[in-house]
């Protein structure tokens, strides 16, 4: 099977990019998460998912 380019160049771009340390992530407490979910669903009446009724483009 033929390859699209030589294997000696594999990983060239990844090797050249500088290493950046990831940011420290903190977990949200479970009660705080439940409270924000309640606020989104019932207080603001948002629907879950990406295809929200107001944001979906109309079909032609």
Protein backbone atom coordinates (compact mmCIF):
# COMPACT_ATOMS: atom_id res chain seq x y z
CA UNK A 1 0.00 0.00 0.00
CA UNK A 2 1.33 3.39 -0.97
CA UNK A 3 1.67 6.21 1.56
CA UNK A 4 1.01 9.87 0.93
CA UNK A 5 4.39 11.23 1.91
CA UNK A 6 7.42 9.84 3.67
CA UNK A 7 7.20 8.43 7.18
CA UNK A 8 10.28 10.39 8.21
CA UNK A 9 8.17 13.56 8.28
CA UNK A 10 5.53 12.08 10.56
CA UNK A 11 4.87 14.22 13.65
CA UNK A 12 6.82 17.20 12.31
CA UNK A 13 4.30 19.90 13.21
CA UNK A 14 3.51 18.50 16.64
CA UNK A 15 7.21 18.32 17.46
CA UNK A 16 7.73 21.95 16.47
CA UNK A 17 4.91 23.44 18.52
CA UNK A 18 5.85 24.75 21.95
CA UNK A 19 4.52 22.94 25.00
CA UNK A 20 1.87 24.91 26.89
CA UNK A 21 0.82 23.93 30.38
CA UNK A 22 -2.89 23.29 30.83
CA UNK A 23 -4.95 25.46 33.13
CA UNK A 24 -5.93 24.23 36.54
CA UNK A 25 -9.57 23.19 36.48
CA UNK A 26 -11.75 23.17 39.55
CA UNK A 27 -14.89 21.10 39.91
CA UNK A 28 -18.20 22.76 40.67
CA UNK A 29 -19.83 21.45 43.84
CA UNK A 30 -22.76 19.13 43.18
CA UNK A 31 -25.33 21.32 44.96
CA UNK A 32 -24.21 24.35 42.99
CA UNK A 33 -24.52 22.39 39.73
CA UNK A 34 -28.03 21.19 40.63
CA UNK A 35 -29.05 24.76 41.48
CA UNK A 36 -27.77 26.13 38.17
CA UNK A 37 -29.53 23.32 36.24
CA UNK A 38 -32.78 24.15 38.06
CA UNK A 39 -32.38 27.83 37.22
CA UNK A 40 -31.73 27.11 33.54
CA UNK A 41 -34.60 24.65 33.12
CA UNK A 42 -37.40 26.12 35.21
CA UNK A 43 -36.62 29.77 35.89
CA UNK A 44 -35.23 30.67 32.45
CA UNK A 45 -37.24 27.88 30.69
CA UNK A 46 -34.42 26.79 28.44
CA UNK A 47 -34.67 23.57 26.46
CA UNK A 48 -31.73 21.16 26.48
CA UNK A 49 -29.65 20.29 23.42
CA UNK A 50 -28.10 22.07 20.49
CA UNK A 51 -31.24 22.37 18.37
CA UNK A 52 -33.08 24.93 20.45
CA UNK A 53 -36.38 26.13 18.97
CA UNK A 54 -35.39 29.78 18.69
CA UNK A 55 -31.92 29.19 17.27
CA UNK A 56 -32.60 26.51 14.65
CA UNK A 57 -32.35 27.81 11.05
CA UNK A 58 -35.52 27.45 9.02
CA UNK A 59 -35.71 25.04 6.12
CA UNK A 60 -36.43 26.43 2.68
